[in-house]
């Protein structure tokens, strides 16, 4: 069901033909990178949080980590990830296949600046064995993102 929702969503943007399905799991950044033959940083991971009792998605580069201070400065709450059960119920996709396509109507999506350093990125397409090849701008448009945000830190920026 999640795959069909994500695919139908991407069809509206003319991007469904870019979905790739794998015989192996792509549920983590490492597994997705191996399935695609790319560096992990190019995997556009979708992280789900609760902000003011509503689900919020942050799509970030595979090597980025949420910076708690930046997140709190932006959303005025502590970064609290959804549980596996909450993600499936509130977002509409199970963990491992969470993506910004075909999500429930009240979900807000934000793109992290960490994605902009790449020409091509690979978010999931609703399952734990899928990905879609997009530019960051195509991802922003197709995800119907609210805005670009800077709420993550990259490995080289860590102290």
C-alpha atoms as a PDB file:
ATOM      1  CA  UNK A   1       0.000   0.000   0.000  1.00  0.00           C
ATOM      2  CA  UNK A   2       2.751   2.487   0.919  1.00  0.00           C
ATOM      3  CA  UNK A   3       4.573   1.835  -2.346  1.00  0.00           C
ATOM      4  CA  UNK A   4       1.395   2.413  -4.350  1.00  0.00           C
ATOM      5  CA  UNK A   5       0.765   5.701  -2.499  1.00  0.00           C
ATOM      6  CA  UNK A   6       4.334   6.901  -3.068  1.00  0.00           C
ATOM      7  CA  UNK A   7       4.278   5.837  -6.732  1.00  0.00           C
ATOM      8  CA  UNK A   8       0.913   7.545  -7.392  1.00  0.00           C
ATOM      9  CA  UNK A   9       2.258  10.703  -5.745  1.00  0.00           C
ATOM     10  CA  UNK A  10       5.420  10.649  -7.886  1.00  0.00           C
ATOM     11  CA  UNK A  11       3.336  10.021 -11.027  1.00  0.00           C
ATOM     12  CA  UNK A  12       1.669  13.413 -10.489  1.00  0.00           C
ATOM     13  CA  UNK A  13       5.122  14.979 -10.878  1.00  0.00           C
ATOM     14  CA  UNK A  14       6.216  12.792 -13.794  1.00  0.00           C
ATOM     15  CA  UNK A  15       8.867  11.079 -11.662  1.00  0.00           C
ATOM     16  CA  UNK A  16       7.477   7.581 -11.016  1.00  0.00           C
ATOM     17  CA  UNK A  17       9.571   6.099 -13.840  1.00  0.00           C
ATOM     18  CA  UNK A  18      12.683   6.826 -11.755  1.00  0.00           C
ATOM     19  CA  UNK A  19      11.703   4.476  -8.927  1.00  0.00           C
ATOM     20  CA  UNK A  20      14.047   1.543  -8.458  1.00  0.00           C
ATOM     21  CA  UNK A  21      12.995  -1.635  -6.645  1.00  0.00           C
ATOM     22  CA  UNK A  22      15.607  -3.960  -5.164  1.00  0.00           C
ATOM     23  CA  UNK A  23      15.780  -7.659  -4.299  1.00  0.00           C
ATOM     24  CA  UNK A  24      17.637  -6.610  -1.143  1.00  0.00           C
ATOM     25  CA  UNK A  25      16.716  -4.296   1.712  1.00  0.00           C
ATOM     26  CA  UNK A  26      17.358  -0.576   1.423  1.00  0.00           C
ATOM     27  CA  UNK A  27      15.891   0.168   4.865  1.00  0.00           C
ATOM     28  CA  UNK A  28      18.989   1.952   6.199  1.00  0.00           C
ATOM     29  CA  UNK A  29      21.364   4.471   4.680  1.00  0.00           C
ATOM     30  CA  UNK A  30      24.088   1.811   4.462  1.00  0.00           C
ATOM     31  CA  UNK A  31      21.835  -0.799   2.832  1.00  0.00           C
ATOM     32  CA  UNK A  32      20.362   1.724   0.372  1.00  0.00           C
ATOM     33  CA  UNK A  33      23.838   2.945  -0.592  1.00  0.00           C
ATOM     34  CA  UNK A  34      24.989  -0.646  -1.193  1.00  0.00           C
ATOM     35  CA  UNK A  35      21.879  -1.456  -3.261  1.00  0.00           C
ATOM     36  CA  UNK A  36      22.415   1.648  -5.403  1.00  0.00           C
ATOM     37  CA  UNK A  37      26.213   1.562  -5.532  1.00  0.00           C
ATOM     38  CA  UNK A  38      26.550   5.140  -4.232  1.00  0.00           C
ATOM     39  CA  UNK A  39      28.045   6.781  -1.161  1.00  0.00           C
ATOM     40  CA  UNK A  40      25.757   6.862   1.878  1.00  0.00           C
ATOM     41  CA  UNK A  41      25.692  10.649   1.983  1.00  0.00           C
ATOM     42  CA  UNK A  42      23.635  10.649  -1.249  1.00  0.00           C
ATOM     43  CA  UNK A  43      20.795   8.706   0.377  1.00  0.00           C
ATOM     44  CA  UNK A  44      18.054  11.200   1.261  1.00  0.00           C
ATOM     45  CA  UNK A  45      16.884   9.808   4.576  1.00  0.00           C
ATOM     46  CA  UNK A  46      13.478  10.858   5.860  1.00  0.00           C
ATOM     47  CA  UNK A  47      13.330  11.350   9.618  1.00  0.00           C
ATOM     48  CA  UNK A  48       9.976  11.668  11.375  1.00  0.00           C
ATOM     49  CA  UNK A  49       9.372  13.847  14.425  1.00  0.00           C
ATOM     50  CA  UNK A  50       6.506  15.074  16.557  1.00  0.00           C
ATOM     51  CA  UNK A  51       6.163  18.875  16.660  1.00  0.00           C
ATOM     52  CA  UNK A  52       3.184  20.325  18.512  1.00  0.00           C
ATOM     53  CA  UNK A  53       1.509  16.898  18.408  1.00  0.00           C
ATOM     54  CA  UNK A  54       1.755  16.782  14.591  1.00  0.00           C
ATOM     55  CA  UNK A  55       4.087  14.689  12.417  1.00  0.00           C
ATOM     56  CA  UNK A  56       6.960  16.518  10.722  1.00  0.00           C
ATOM     57  CA  UNK A  57       9.391  15.001   8.240  1.00  0.00           C
ATOM     58  CA  UNK A  58      12.961  16.181   7.822  1.00  0.00           C
ATOM     59  CA  UNK A  59      14.646  14.892   4.653  1.00  0.00           C
ATOM     60  CA  UNK A  60      18.417  15.035   5.066  1.00  0.00           C
ATOM     61  CA  UNK A  61      21.604  13.676   3.521  1.00  0.00           C
ATOM     62  CA  UNK A  62      22.543  10.189   4.639  1.00  0.00           C
ATOM     63  CA  UNK A  63      25.614  11.371   6.542  1.00  0.00           C
ATOM     64  CA  UNK A  64      23.838  14.240   8.338  1.00  0.00           C
ATOM     65  CA  UNK A  65      22.647  14.058  11.924  1.00  0.00           C
ATOM     66  CA  UNK A  66      19.985  16.207  13.523  1.00  0.00           C
ATOM     67  CA  UNK A  67      21.553  19.007  15.543  1.00  0.00           C
ATOM     68  CA  UNK A  68      19.376  19.298  18.648  1.00  0.00           C
ATOM     69  CA  UNK A  69      20.099  23.015  19.144  1.00  0.00           C
ATOM     70  CA  UNK A  70      19.305  23.919  15.510  1.00  0.00           C
ATOM     71  CA  UNK A  71      16.139  21.784  15.614  1.00  0.00           C
ATOM     72  CA  UNK A  72      14.930  23.468  18.799  1.00  0.00           C
ATOM     73  CA  UNK A  73      15.760  26.935  17.421  1.00  0.00           C
ATOM     74  CA  UNK A  74      13.690  26.189  14.310  1.00  0.00           C
ATOM     75  CA  UNK A  75      10.712  24.282  15.758  1.00  0.00           C
ATOM     76  CA  UNK A  76      10.749  25.507  19.389  1.00  0.00           C
ATOM     77  CA  UNK A  77      10.610  21.959  20.753  1.00  0.00           C
ATOM     78  CA  UNK A  78      13.129  19.236  21.528  1.00  0.00           C
ATOM     79  CA  UNK A  79      13.745  16.830  18.634  1.00  0.00           C
ATOM     80  CA  UNK A  80      11.650  13.746  19.440  1.00  0.00           C
ATOM     81  CA  UNK A  81      11.548  11.049  16.785  1.00  0.00           C
ATOM     82  CA  UNK A  82       8.374   9.082  16.224  1.00  0.00           C
ATOM     83  CA  UNK A  83       8.276   5.447  17.306  1.00  0.00           C
ATOM     84  CA  UNK A  84       7.902   2.763  14.621  1.00  0.00           C
ATOM     85  CA  UNK A  85       4.186   2.520  15.401  1.00  0.00           C
ATOM     86  CA  UNK A  86       3.680   6.302  15.357  1.00  0.00           C
ATOM     87  CA  UNK A  87       5.510   6.662  12.029  1.00  0.00           C
ATOM     88  CA  UNK A  88       3.310   4.080  10.313  1.00  0.00           C
ATOM     89  CA  UNK A  89       0.124   5.556  11.766  1.00  0.00           C
ATOM     90  CA  UNK A  90       0.835   9.304  11.594  1.00  0.00           C
ATOM     91  CA  UNK A  91       2.997   9.491   8.451  1.00  0.00           C
ATOM     92  CA  UNK A  92       1.520   6.628   6.457  1.00  0.00           C
ATOM     93  CA  UNK A  93       4.761   4.725   5.789  1.00  0.00           C
ATOM     94  CA  UNK A  94       6.558   2.144   7.934  1.00  0.00           C
ATOM     95  CA  UNK A  95      10.078   2.793   9.230  1.00  0.00           C
ATOM     96  CA  UNK A  96      12.567   1.655   6.590  1.00  0.00           C
ATOM     97  CA  UNK A  97      10.368   3.014   3.814  1.00  0.00           C
ATOM     98  CA  UNK A  98       9.432   6.401   5.234  1.00  0.00           C
ATOM     99  CA  UNK A  99       9.534   8.956   2.446  1.00  0.00           C
ATOM    100  CA  UNK A 100       7.917  12.336   1.748  1.00  0.00           C
ATOM    101  CA  UNK A 101       5.686  10.981  -1.048  1.00  0.00           C
ATOM    102  CA  UNK A 102       2.087   9.909  -0.515  1.00  0.00           C
ATOM    103  CA  UNK A 103       2.078  10.813   3.156  1.00  0.00           C
ATOM    104  CA  UNK A 104      -0.983  11.524   5.270  1.00  0.00           C
ATOM    105  CA  UNK A 105      -2.530  14.980   4.660  1.00  0.00           C
ATOM    106  CA  UNK A 106      -1.451  16.636   7.947  1.00  0.00           C
ATOM    107  CA  UNK A 107       2.259  15.775   7.566  1.00  0.00           C
ATOM    108  CA  UNK A 108       4.615  18.708   6.937  1.00  0.00           C
ATOM    109  CA  UNK A 109       7.881  18.049   5.125  1.00  0.00           C
ATOM    110  CA  UNK A 110      11.095  20.089   5.359  1.00  0.00           C
ATOM    111  CA  UNK A 111      14.282  19.652   3.302  1.00  0.00           C
ATOM    112  CA  UNK A 112      17.579  19.981   5.130  1.00  0.00           C
ATOM    113  CA  UNK A 113      20.328  22.051   3.511  1.00  0.00           C
ATOM    114  CA  UNK A 114      22.659  19.030   3.733  1.00  0.00           C
ATOM    115  CA  UNK A 115      21.048  17.701   0.513  1.00  0.00           C
ATOM    116  CA  UNK A 116      21.938  20.734  -1.597  1.00  0.00           C
ATOM    117  CA  UNK A 117      25.594  19.742  -1.993  1.00  0.00           C
ATOM    118  CA  UNK A 118      24.621  16.894  -4.348  1.00  0.00           C
ATOM    119  CA  UNK A 119      23.346  16.892  -7.925  1.00  0.00           C
ATOM    120  CA  UNK A 120      21.449  13.623  -7.374  1.00  0.00           C
ATOM    121  CA  UNK A 121      19.985  12.102  -4.193  1.00  0.00           C
ATOM    122  CA  UNK A 122      17.992   8.938  -3.488  1.00  0.00           C
ATOM    123  CA  UNK A 123      15.021   8.949  -1.105  1.00  0.00           C
ATOM    124  CA  UNK A 124      12.935   5.819  -0.456  1.00  0.00           C
ATOM    125  CA  UNK A 125       9.680   5.258  -2.323  1.00  0.00           C
ATOM    126  CA  UNK A 126       7.455   3.903   0.442  1.00  0.00           C
ATOM    127  CA  UNK A 127       9.099   0.515   0.987  1.00  0.00           C
ATOM    128  CA  UNK A 128      12.242  -0.908   2.552  1.00  0.00           C
ATOM    129  CA  UNK A 129      13.527  -2.026  -0.853  1.00  0.00           C
ATOM    130  CA  UNK A 130      13.061   1.048  -3.051  1.00  0.00           C
ATOM    131  CA  UNK A 131      14.618   4.369  -3.998  1.00  0.00           C
ATOM    132  CA  UNK A 132      13.971   7.152  -6.494  1.00  0.00           C
ATOM    133  CA  UNK A 133      16.674   9.137  -8.323  1.00  0.00           C
ATOM    134  CA  UNK A 134      16.035  12.901  -7.999  1.00  0.00           C
ATOM    135  CA  UNK A 135      17.803  16.226  -7.938  1.00  0.00           C
ATOM    136  CA  UNK A 136      17.394  18.062  -4.624  1.00  0.00           C
ATOM    137  CA  UNK A 137      15.064  20.555  -6.344  1.00  0.00           C
ATOM    138  CA  UNK A 138      12.910  17.754  -7.795  1.00  0.00           C
ATOM    139  CA  UNK A 139      12.787  16.204  -4.330  1.00  0.00           C
ATOM    140  CA  UNK A 140      11.760  19.539  -2.803  1.00  0.00           C
ATOM    141  CA  UNK A 141       8.990  20.049  -5.367  1.00  0.00           C
ATOM    142  CA  UNK A 142       7.688  16.452  -5.354  1.00  0.00           C
ATOM    143  CA  UNK A 143       7.696  16.262  -1.559  1.00  0.00           C
ATOM    144  CA  UNK A 144       5.639  19.457  -1.412  1.00  0.00           C
ATOM    145  CA  UNK A 145       8.097  20.690   1.193  1.00  0.00           C
ATOM    146  CA  UNK A 146       7.303  23.683   3.358  1.00  0.00           C
ATOM    147  CA  UNK A 147      10.831  25.080   3.117  1.00  0.00           C
ATOM    148  CA  UNK A 148      14.561  24.401   3.187  1.00  0.00           C
ATOM    149  CA  UNK A 149      15.874  24.287   6.758  1.00  0.00           C
ATOM    150  CA  UNK A 150      19.265  23.962   8.427  1.00  0.00           C
ATOM    151  CA  UNK A 151      18.685  21.556  11.324  1.00  0.00           C
ATOM    152  CA  UNK A 152      21.459  19.010  10.750  1.00  0.00           C
ATOM    153  CA  UNK A 153      25.197  18.767  11.122  1.00  0.00           C
ATOM    154  CA  UNK A 154      27.629  16.959   8.894  1.00  0.00           C
ATOM    155  CA  UNK A 155      30.331  14.596  10.193  1.00  0.00           C
ATOM    156  CA  UNK A 156      33.192  16.998   9.475  1.00  0.00           C
ATOM    157  CA  UNK A 157      31.389  19.717  11.476  1.00  0.00           C
ATOM    158  CA  UNK A 158      31.222  17.570  14.625  1.00  0.00           C
ATOM    159  CA  UNK A 159      33.584  18.360  17.452  1.00  0.00           C
END
